[in-house]
């Protein structure tokens, strides 16, 4: 009989796909030049696929999946903030890592635009990413 490995599981909000901030992020990413170029390349450089219902649906699904990847990594490798236990802090991370984890160019900027991510420098001068209230979503 198969035994589950000893792992801690967390859930993602069941309505995260329709959360107002995710919908704002969808607009932000969809209008980003970097993402539009990325999507056109996915569609064999067919720019006629941009601004279609398929473009929006695929972007939305990729963005939600990308958020799960980013938040999972932040939860796995980050630390709880000493000042707010709902916040997760990641060291040695930045735009390149967030966008690569999500697979969606522009995710980093979109997270910042809706206040789900901030870049900070601690007292030691180390750069860090803060995911405010992440524990509410994972």
C-alpha atoms as a PDB file:
ATOM      1  CA  UNK A   1       0.000   0.000   0.000  1.00  0.00           C
ATOM      2  CA  UNK A   2       1.253   3.474  -0.922  1.00  0.00           C
ATOM      3  CA  UNK A   3       1.942   5.798   1.988  1.00  0.00           C
ATOM      4  CA  UNK A   4       1.752   9.550   1.575  1.00  0.00           C
ATOM      5  CA  UNK A   5       5.052  11.306   2.231  1.00  0.00           C
ATOM      6  CA  UNK A   6       5.110  13.430   5.360  1.00  0.00           C
ATOM      7  CA  UNK A   7       4.311  16.796   3.769  1.00  0.00           C
ATOM      8  CA  UNK A   8       2.445  19.876   4.771  1.00  0.00           C
ATOM      9  CA  UNK A   9      -0.372  20.843   2.431  1.00  0.00           C
ATOM     10  CA  UNK A  10      -1.969  24.222   1.907  1.00  0.00           C
ATOM     11  CA  UNK A  11      -4.957  25.161  -0.136  1.00  0.00           C
ATOM     12  CA  UNK A  12      -5.415  27.991  -2.589  1.00  0.00           C
ATOM     13  CA  UNK A  13      -8.599  30.024  -2.326  1.00  0.00           C
ATOM     14  CA  UNK A  14     -11.240  28.348  -4.447  1.00  0.00           C
ATOM     15  CA  UNK A  15     -12.222  31.670  -6.014  1.00  0.00           C
ATOM     16  CA  UNK A  16      -8.734  33.002  -6.684  1.00  0.00           C
ATOM     17  CA  UNK A  17      -9.424  33.063 -10.431  1.00  0.00           C
ATOM     18  CA  UNK A  18     -12.165  35.672  -9.926  1.00  0.00           C
ATOM     19  CA  UNK A  19     -10.498  37.706  -7.181  1.00  0.00           C
ATOM     20  CA  UNK A  20     -10.587  41.409  -8.148  1.00  0.00           C
ATOM     21  CA  UNK A  21      -6.800  41.690  -7.832  1.00  0.00           C
ATOM     22  CA  UNK A  22      -6.267  38.728 -10.163  1.00  0.00           C
ATOM     23  CA  UNK A  23      -8.572  40.383 -12.686  1.00  0.00           C
ATOM     24  CA  UNK A  24      -6.549  43.608 -12.345  1.00  0.00           C
ATOM     25  CA  UNK A  25      -3.376  41.592 -12.878  1.00  0.00           C
ATOM     26  CA  UNK A  26      -4.933  40.041 -15.979  1.00  0.00           C
ATOM     27  CA  UNK A  27      -5.446  43.511 -17.451  1.00  0.00           C
ATOM     28  CA  UNK A  28      -1.911  44.543 -16.503  1.00  0.00           C
ATOM     29  CA  UNK A  29      -0.287  41.452 -18.033  1.00  0.00           C
ATOM     30  CA  UNK A  30      -2.520  41.419 -21.138  1.00  0.00           C
ATOM     31  CA  UNK A  31      -1.471  44.967 -21.986  1.00  0.00           C
ATOM     32  CA  UNK A  32       2.232  44.389 -21.378  1.00  0.00           C
ATOM     33  CA  UNK A  33       4.385  44.479 -24.518  1.00  0.00           C
ATOM     34  CA  UNK A  34       6.596  41.695 -23.151  1.00  0.00           C
ATOM     35  CA  UNK A  35       3.636  39.401 -22.602  1.00  0.00           C
ATOM     36  CA  UNK A  36       2.006  40.209 -25.948  1.00  0.00           C
ATOM     37  CA  UNK A  37       5.269  39.355 -27.736  1.00  0.00           C
ATOM     38  CA  UNK A  38       5.554  36.148 -25.677  1.00  0.00           C
ATOM     39  CA  UNK A  39       1.978  35.133 -26.536  1.00  0.00           C
ATOM     40  CA  UNK A  40       2.377  35.906 -30.229  1.00  0.00           C
ATOM     41  CA  UNK A  41       5.471  33.660 -30.288  1.00  0.00           C
ATOM     42  CA  UNK A  42       3.457  30.893 -28.611  1.00  0.00           C
ATOM     43  CA  UNK A  43       0.950  31.231 -31.430  1.00  0.00           C
ATOM     44  CA  UNK A  44       3.641  30.935 -34.138  1.00  0.00           C
ATOM     45  CA  UNK A  45       4.024  34.715 -34.410  1.00  0.00           C
ATOM     46  CA  UNK A  46       0.370  35.116 -35.294  1.00  0.00           C
ATOM     47  CA  UNK A  47      -0.425  38.608 -34.011  1.00  0.00           C
ATOM     48  CA  UNK A  48      -4.051  38.110 -35.088  1.00  0.00           C
ATOM     49  CA  UNK A  49      -4.525  35.994 -31.951  1.00  0.00           C
ATOM     50  CA  UNK A  50      -4.012  39.016 -29.694  1.00  0.00           C
ATOM     51  CA  UNK A  51      -7.122  40.687 -28.280  1.00  0.00           C
ATOM     52  CA  UNK A  52      -9.339  37.683 -28.952  1.00  0.00           C
ATOM     53  CA  UNK A  53     -11.384  35.708 -26.404  1.00  0.00           C
ATOM     54  CA  UNK A  54      -8.824  32.901 -26.716  1.00  0.00           C
ATOM     55  CA  UNK A  55      -6.006  35.313 -25.830  1.00  0.00           C
ATOM     56  CA  UNK A  56      -7.848  36.468 -22.716  1.00  0.00           C
ATOM     57  CA  UNK A  57      -8.856  32.963 -21.610  1.00  0.00           C
ATOM     58  CA  UNK A  58      -5.388  31.504 -22.074  1.00  0.00           C
ATOM     59  CA  UNK A  59      -3.750  34.477 -20.377  1.00  0.00           C
ATOM     60  CA  UNK A  60      -6.108  34.209 -17.404  1.00  0.00           C
ATOM     61  CA  UNK A  61      -5.447  30.488 -16.967  1.00  0.00           C
ATOM     62  CA  UNK A  62      -1.692  30.858 -17.334  1.00  0.00           C
ATOM     63  CA  UNK A  63      -1.679  33.737 -14.855  1.00  0.00           C
ATOM     64  CA  UNK A  64      -3.615  31.813 -12.183  1.00  0.00           C
ATOM     65  CA  UNK A  65      -1.372  28.781 -12.649  1.00  0.00           C
ATOM     66  CA  UNK A  66       1.663  31.051 -12.499  1.00  0.00           C
ATOM     67  CA  UNK A  67       0.473  32.578  -9.240  1.00  0.00           C
ATOM     68  CA  UNK A  68       0.218  29.105  -7.717  1.00  0.00           C
ATOM     69  CA  UNK A  69       3.818  28.412  -8.760  1.00  0.00           C
ATOM     70  CA  UNK A  70       5.124  31.723  -7.387  1.00  0.00           C
ATOM     71  CA  UNK A  71       3.210  31.499  -4.119  1.00  0.00           C
ATOM     72  CA  UNK A  72       4.234  27.862  -3.619  1.00  0.00           C
ATOM     73  CA  UNK A  73       7.907  28.755  -4.072  1.00  0.00           C
ATOM     74  CA  UNK A  74       7.565  31.749  -1.753  1.00  0.00           C
ATOM     75  CA  UNK A  75       5.929  29.600   0.896  1.00  0.00           C
ATOM     76  CA  UNK A  76       8.468  26.799   0.466  1.00  0.00           C
ATOM     77  CA  UNK A  77      11.645  28.909   0.394  1.00  0.00           C
ATOM     78  CA  UNK A  78      10.574  32.106   2.125  1.00  0.00           C
ATOM     79  CA  UNK A  79      10.381  33.015   5.788  1.00  0.00           C
ATOM     80  CA  UNK A  80       7.613  34.463   7.863  1.00  0.00           C
ATOM     81  CA  UNK A  81       8.085  38.138   8.485  1.00  0.00           C
ATOM     82  CA  UNK A  82       9.056  38.895  12.085  1.00  0.00           C
ATOM     83  CA  UNK A  83       6.805  41.972  11.988  1.00  0.00           C
ATOM     84  CA  UNK A  84       3.747  40.356  10.395  1.00  0.00           C
ATOM     85  CA  UNK A  85       3.371  36.562  10.483  1.00  0.00           C
ATOM     86  CA  UNK A  86       0.987  36.602   7.489  1.00  0.00           C
ATOM     87  CA  UNK A  87       3.730  38.058   5.278  1.00  0.00           C
ATOM     88  CA  UNK A  88       6.336  35.872   3.586  1.00  0.00           C
ATOM     89  CA  UNK A  89       9.788  37.228   2.792  1.00  0.00           C
ATOM     90  CA  UNK A  90      12.107  35.841   0.123  1.00  0.00           C
ATOM     91  CA  UNK A  91      15.778  36.696  -0.094  1.00  0.00           C
ATOM     92  CA  UNK A  92      17.841  36.563  -3.291  1.00  0.00           C
ATOM     93  CA  UNK A  93      14.759  36.824  -5.476  1.00  0.00           C
ATOM     94  CA  UNK A  94      13.602  39.386  -7.993  1.00  0.00           C
ATOM     95  CA  UNK A  95      11.694  40.029 -11.174  1.00  0.00           C
ATOM     96  CA  UNK A  96      13.520  37.428 -13.225  1.00  0.00           C
ATOM     97  CA  UNK A  97      12.755  34.635 -10.746  1.00  0.00           C
ATOM     98  CA  UNK A  98       9.080  35.592 -10.307  1.00  0.00           C
ATOM     99  CA  UNK A  99       8.425  35.858 -14.033  1.00  0.00           C
ATOM    100  CA  UNK A 100      10.320  32.607 -14.702  1.00  0.00           C
ATOM    101  CA  UNK A 101       8.424  30.720 -11.990  1.00  0.00           C
ATOM    102  CA  UNK A 102       5.080  31.945 -13.243  1.00  0.00           C
ATOM    103  CA  UNK A 103       5.910  31.393 -16.900  1.00  0.00           C
ATOM    104  CA  UNK A 104       4.076  34.635 -17.626  1.00  0.00           C
ATOM    105  CA  UNK A 105       6.159  37.720 -18.453  1.00  0.00           C
ATOM    106  CA  UNK A 106       4.902  40.680 -16.454  1.00  0.00           C
ATOM    107  CA  UNK A 107       3.719  38.733 -13.391  1.00  0.00           C
ATOM    108  CA  UNK A 108       6.238  40.493 -11.148  1.00  0.00           C
ATOM    109  CA  UNK A 109       5.053  43.965 -12.170  1.00  0.00           C
ATOM    110  CA  UNK A 110       1.406  42.895 -11.986  1.00  0.00           C
ATOM    111  CA  UNK A 111       1.873  41.545  -8.436  1.00  0.00           C
ATOM    112  CA  UNK A 112       3.446  44.849  -7.427  1.00  0.00           C
ATOM    113  CA  UNK A 113       0.656  46.835  -9.111  1.00  0.00           C
ATOM    114  CA  UNK A 114      -1.993  45.137  -6.930  1.00  0.00           C
ATOM    115  CA  UNK A 115       0.136  45.310  -3.742  1.00  0.00           C
ATOM    116  CA  UNK A 116       0.662  41.550  -3.516  1.00  0.00           C
ATOM    117  CA  UNK A 117       4.430  42.006  -3.749  1.00  0.00           C
ATOM    118  CA  UNK A 118       6.921  44.625  -2.678  1.00  0.00           C
ATOM    119  CA  UNK A 119      10.674  44.987  -3.018  1.00  0.00           C
ATOM    120  CA  UNK A 120      12.469  46.058   0.130  1.00  0.00           C
ATOM    121  CA  UNK A 121      15.904  46.337   1.656  1.00  0.00           C
ATOM    122  CA  UNK A 122      16.424  45.163   5.227  1.00  0.00           C
ATOM    123  CA  UNK A 123      18.668  46.681   7.905  1.00  0.00           C
ATOM    124  CA  UNK A 124      21.638  44.647   6.616  1.00  0.00           C
ATOM    125  CA  UNK A 125      21.223  46.036   3.115  1.00  0.00           C
ATOM    126  CA  UNK A 126      19.894  42.754   1.708  1.00  0.00           C
ATOM    127  CA  UNK A 127      17.274  43.019  -1.013  1.00  0.00           C
ATOM    128  CA  UNK A 128      14.158  41.004  -0.413  1.00  0.00           C
ATOM    129  CA  UNK A 129      10.680  40.403  -1.740  1.00  0.00           C
ATOM    130  CA  UNK A 130       7.712  40.658   0.589  1.00  0.00           C
ATOM    131  CA  UNK A 131       4.474  38.839  -0.191  1.00  0.00           C
ATOM    132  CA  UNK A 132       1.987  40.651   2.054  1.00  0.00           C
ATOM    133  CA  UNK A 133      -0.689  38.499   3.662  1.00  0.00           C
ATOM    134  CA  UNK A 134       0.358  35.488   1.578  1.00  0.00           C
ATOM    135  CA  UNK A 135      -0.953  33.157   4.262  1.00  0.00           C
ATOM    136  CA  UNK A 136      -4.475  34.244   3.289  1.00  0.00           C
ATOM    137  CA  UNK A 137      -4.051  32.670  -0.164  1.00  0.00           C
ATOM    138  CA  UNK A 138      -2.039  29.494   0.501  1.00  0.00           C
END
